[in-house]
Amino acid sequence: MLDQAVEGWTATEQAIAERAFEQAYGRAITQLTATLQTKAQALSSAESIWQFHDFLSIERHTIEGRFAFQLEGILFVFASLVKEGLLQLDELSGLESEKLAKVTAMSRF
């Protein structure tokens, strides 16, 4: 949790944003776990094992980069998470209407 208010964000909004972000992260991990289980069942050769390793390394890099919580640029992140189905707009309820409108608009593209 963030210790101090960030300009343009109330403490309540920060808490809402962090909670929504954590929910999306949990869904991304659940989705990845399901994908990994399917891929693991298909392992049949050394080459498929190395491909599995490469896939997992790329996913780790992607998830760790994407899910480093920072309020700067978070509306863009939220829009992409909504677009991918990892976050629902109602989970951002409580953010000021302008922030919600931006996420809604950006998630349509």
C-alpha atoms as a PDB file:
ATOM      1  CA  MET A   1       0.000   0.000   0.000  1.00  0.00           C
ATOM      2  CA  LEU A   2       1.198   3.489  -0.717  1.00  0.00           C
ATOM      3  CA  ASP A   3       2.111   5.589   2.303  1.00  0.00           C
ATOM      4  CA  GLN A   4       1.338   9.033   0.974  1.00  0.00           C
ATOM      5  CA  ALA A   5      -1.116  10.618  -1.386  1.00  0.00           C
ATOM      6  CA  VAL A   6       0.072  11.145  -4.931  1.00  0.00           C
ATOM      7  CA  GLU A   7      -0.933  14.339  -6.694  1.00  0.00           C
ATOM      8  CA  GLY A   8      -4.282  13.859  -8.381  1.00  0.00           C
ATOM      9  CA  TRP A   9      -5.086  10.739  -6.374  1.00  0.00           C
ATOM     10  CA  THR A  10      -6.835  10.619  -3.033  1.00  0.00           C
ATOM     11  CA  ALA A  11      -5.837   7.999  -0.498  1.00  0.00           C
ATOM     12  CA  THR A  12      -9.158   6.248  -1.168  1.00  0.00           C
ATOM     13  CA  GLU A  13      -8.527   6.231  -4.918  1.00  0.00           C
ATOM     14  CA  GLN A  14      -5.053   4.861  -4.361  1.00  0.00           C
ATOM     15  CA  ALA A  15      -6.487   2.022  -2.279  1.00  0.00           C
ATOM     16  CA  ILE A  16      -9.114   1.282  -4.950  1.00  0.00           C
ATOM     17  CA  ALA A  17      -6.461   1.301  -7.682  1.00  0.00           C
ATOM     18  CA  GLU A  18      -4.147  -0.987  -5.748  1.00  0.00           C
ATOM     19  CA  ARG A  19      -6.943  -3.434  -4.909  1.00  0.00           C
ATOM     20  CA  ALA A  20      -8.099  -3.557  -8.551  1.00  0.00           C
ATOM     21  CA  PHE A  21      -4.509  -4.001  -9.696  1.00  0.00           C
ATOM     22  CA  GLU A  22      -4.018  -6.916  -7.287  1.00  0.00           C
ATOM     23  CA  GLN A  23      -7.238  -8.547  -8.499  1.00  0.00           C
ATOM     24  CA  ALA A  24      -6.087  -8.274 -12.118  1.00  0.00           C
ATOM     25  CA  TYR A  25      -2.688  -9.690 -11.155  1.00  0.00           C
ATOM     26  CA  GLY A  26      -4.367 -12.648  -9.483  1.00  0.00           C
ATOM     27  CA  ARG A  27      -6.420 -13.312 -12.597  1.00  0.00           C
ATOM     28  CA  ALA A  28      -3.337 -13.064 -14.814  1.00  0.00           C
ATOM     29  CA  ILE A  29      -1.541 -15.608 -12.622  1.00  0.00           C
ATOM     30  CA  THR A  30      -4.564 -17.922 -12.638  1.00  0.00           C
ATOM     31  CA  GLN A  31      -4.719 -17.663 -16.428  1.00  0.00           C
ATOM     32  CA  LEU A  32      -0.982 -18.335 -16.725  1.00  0.00           C
ATOM     33  CA  THR A  33      -1.205 -21.306 -14.379  1.00  0.00           C
ATOM     34  CA  ALA A  34      -3.924 -22.892 -16.515  1.00  0.00           C
ATOM     35  CA  THR A  35      -1.875 -22.310 -19.661  1.00  0.00           C
ATOM     36  CA  LEU A  36       1.231 -23.805 -18.040  1.00  0.00           C
ATOM     37  CA  GLN A  37      -0.659 -26.887 -16.906  1.00  0.00           C
ATOM     38  CA  THR A  38      -1.889 -27.480 -20.446  1.00  0.00           C
ATOM     39  CA  LYS A  39       1.565 -26.925 -21.916  1.00  0.00           C
ATOM     40  CA  ALA A  40       3.215 -29.136 -19.283  1.00  0.00           C
ATOM     41  CA  GLN A  41       0.947 -32.038 -20.205  1.00  0.00           C
ATOM     42  CA  ALA A  42       2.114 -31.748 -23.806  1.00  0.00           C
ATOM     43  CA  LEU A  43       5.828 -32.009 -22.996  1.00  0.00           C
ATOM     44  CA  SER A  44       7.261 -34.901 -24.942  1.00  0.00           C
ATOM     45  CA  SER A  45      10.826 -34.059 -25.901  1.00  0.00           C
ATOM     46  CA  ALA A  46      13.853 -32.074 -24.838  1.00  0.00           C
ATOM     47  CA  GLU A  47      12.932 -29.444 -27.418  1.00  0.00           C
ATOM     48  CA  SER A  48       9.431 -29.071 -25.978  1.00  0.00           C
ATOM     49  CA  ILE A  49      10.927 -28.686 -22.498  1.00  0.00           C
ATOM     50  CA  TRP A  50      13.210 -25.864 -23.665  1.00  0.00           C
ATOM     51  CA  GLN A  51      10.298 -24.194 -25.452  1.00  0.00           C
ATOM     52  CA  PHE A  52       8.288 -24.462 -22.231  1.00  0.00           C
ATOM     53  CA  HIS A  53      11.163 -22.862 -20.333  1.00  0.00           C
ATOM     54  CA  ASP A  54      11.415 -20.052 -22.886  1.00  0.00           C
ATOM     55  CA  PHE A  55       7.668 -19.439 -22.734  1.00  0.00           C
ATOM     56  CA  LEU A  56       7.749 -19.298 -18.938  1.00  0.00           C
ATOM     57  CA  SER A  57      10.724 -16.914 -18.950  1.00  0.00           C
ATOM     58  CA  ILE A  58       8.981 -14.555 -21.358  1.00  0.00           C
ATOM     59  CA  GLU A  59       5.748 -14.663 -19.341  1.00  0.00           C
ATOM     60  CA  ARG A  60       7.616 -13.965 -16.112  1.00  0.00           C
ATOM     61  CA  HIS A  61       9.342 -10.961 -17.656  1.00  0.00           C
ATOM     62  CA  THR A  62       6.055  -9.685 -19.096  1.00  0.00           C
ATOM     63  CA  ILE A  63       4.070 -10.107 -15.886  1.00  0.00           C
ATOM     64  CA  GLU A  64       6.753  -8.670 -13.615  1.00  0.00           C
ATOM     65  CA  GLY A  65       7.071  -5.632 -15.873  1.00  0.00           C
ATOM     66  CA  ARG A  66       3.379  -5.111 -16.309  1.00  0.00           C
ATOM     67  CA  PHE A  67       2.393  -5.654 -12.711  1.00  0.00           C
ATOM     68  CA  ALA A  68       4.805  -3.270 -11.009  1.00  0.00           C
ATOM     69  CA  PHE A  69       2.246  -0.977  -9.391  1.00  0.00           C
ATOM     70  CA  GLN A  70       2.785   2.728 -10.088  1.00  0.00           C
ATOM     71  CA  LEU A  71       0.073   5.342 -10.262  1.00  0.00           C
ATOM     72  CA  GLU A  72       1.857   7.123 -13.093  1.00  0.00           C
ATOM     73  CA  GLY A  73       0.337   5.656 -16.237  1.00  0.00           C
ATOM     74  CA  ILE A  74      -2.002   3.352 -14.312  1.00  0.00           C
ATOM     75  CA  LEU A  75      -5.056   4.435 -16.313  1.00  0.00           C
ATOM     76  CA  PHE A  76      -3.415   3.075 -19.472  1.00  0.00           C
ATOM     77  CA  VAL A  77      -2.626  -0.168 -17.664  1.00  0.00           C
ATOM     78  CA  PHE A  78      -6.181  -0.411 -16.368  1.00  0.00           C
ATOM     79  CA  ALA A  79      -7.546   0.137 -19.879  1.00  0.00           C
ATOM     80  CA  SER A  80      -5.436  -2.703 -21.268  1.00  0.00           C
ATOM     81  CA  LEU A  81      -6.426  -4.969 -18.375  1.00  0.00           C
ATOM     82  CA  VAL A  82     -10.115  -4.213 -19.001  1.00  0.00           C
ATOM     83  CA  LYS A  83      -9.665  -4.863 -22.695  1.00  0.00           C
ATOM     84  CA  GLU A  84      -8.067  -8.245 -21.930  1.00  0.00           C
ATOM     85  CA  GLY A  85     -10.782  -9.207 -19.451  1.00  0.00           C
ATOM     86  CA  LEU A  86      -8.448  -9.218 -16.453  1.00  0.00           C
ATOM     87  CA  LEU A  87     -10.252  -6.284 -14.851  1.00  0.00           C
ATOM     88  CA  GLN A  88     -13.861  -5.132 -14.800  1.00  0.00           C
ATOM     89  CA  LEU A  89     -14.747  -1.444 -14.896  1.00  0.00           C
ATOM     90  CA  ASP A  90     -16.930  -1.823 -11.807  1.00  0.00           C
ATOM     91  CA  GLU A  91     -13.816  -2.845  -9.857  1.00  0.00           C
ATOM     92  CA  LEU A  92     -12.635   0.742 -10.338  1.00  0.00           C
ATOM     93  CA  SER A  93     -15.802   2.143  -8.781  1.00  0.00           C
ATOM     94  CA  GLY A  94     -14.887   4.970  -6.458  1.00  0.00           C
ATOM     95  CA  LEU A  95     -12.340   6.583  -8.748  1.00  0.00           C
ATOM     96  CA  GLU A  96     -13.294  10.072  -9.869  1.00  0.00           C
ATOM     97  CA  SER A  97     -15.540  10.068 -12.926  1.00  0.00           C
ATOM     98  CA  GLU A  98     -12.883  11.599 -15.204  1.00  0.00           C
ATOM     99  CA  LYS A  99     -10.476   8.735 -14.461  1.00  0.00           C
ATOM    100  CA  LEU A 100     -13.203   6.160 -15.076  1.00  0.00           C
ATOM    101  CA  ALA A 101     -14.174   7.865 -18.344  1.00  0.00           C
ATOM    102  CA  LYS A 102     -10.546   7.754 -19.525  1.00  0.00           C
ATOM    103  CA  VAL A 103     -10.185   4.050 -18.706  1.00  0.00           C
ATOM    104  CA  THR A 104     -13.507   3.307 -20.405  1.00  0.00           C
ATOM    105  CA  ALA A 105     -12.581   5.236 -23.544  1.00  0.00           C
ATOM    106  CA  MET A 106      -9.068   3.786 -23.804  1.00  0.00           C
ATOM    107  CA  SER A 107     -10.293   0.228 -23.256  1.00  0.00           C
ATOM    108  CA  ARG A 108     -12.385   0.466 -26.422  1.00  0.00           C
ATOM    109  CA  PHE A 109      -9.347   0.794 -28.690  1.00  0.00           C
END
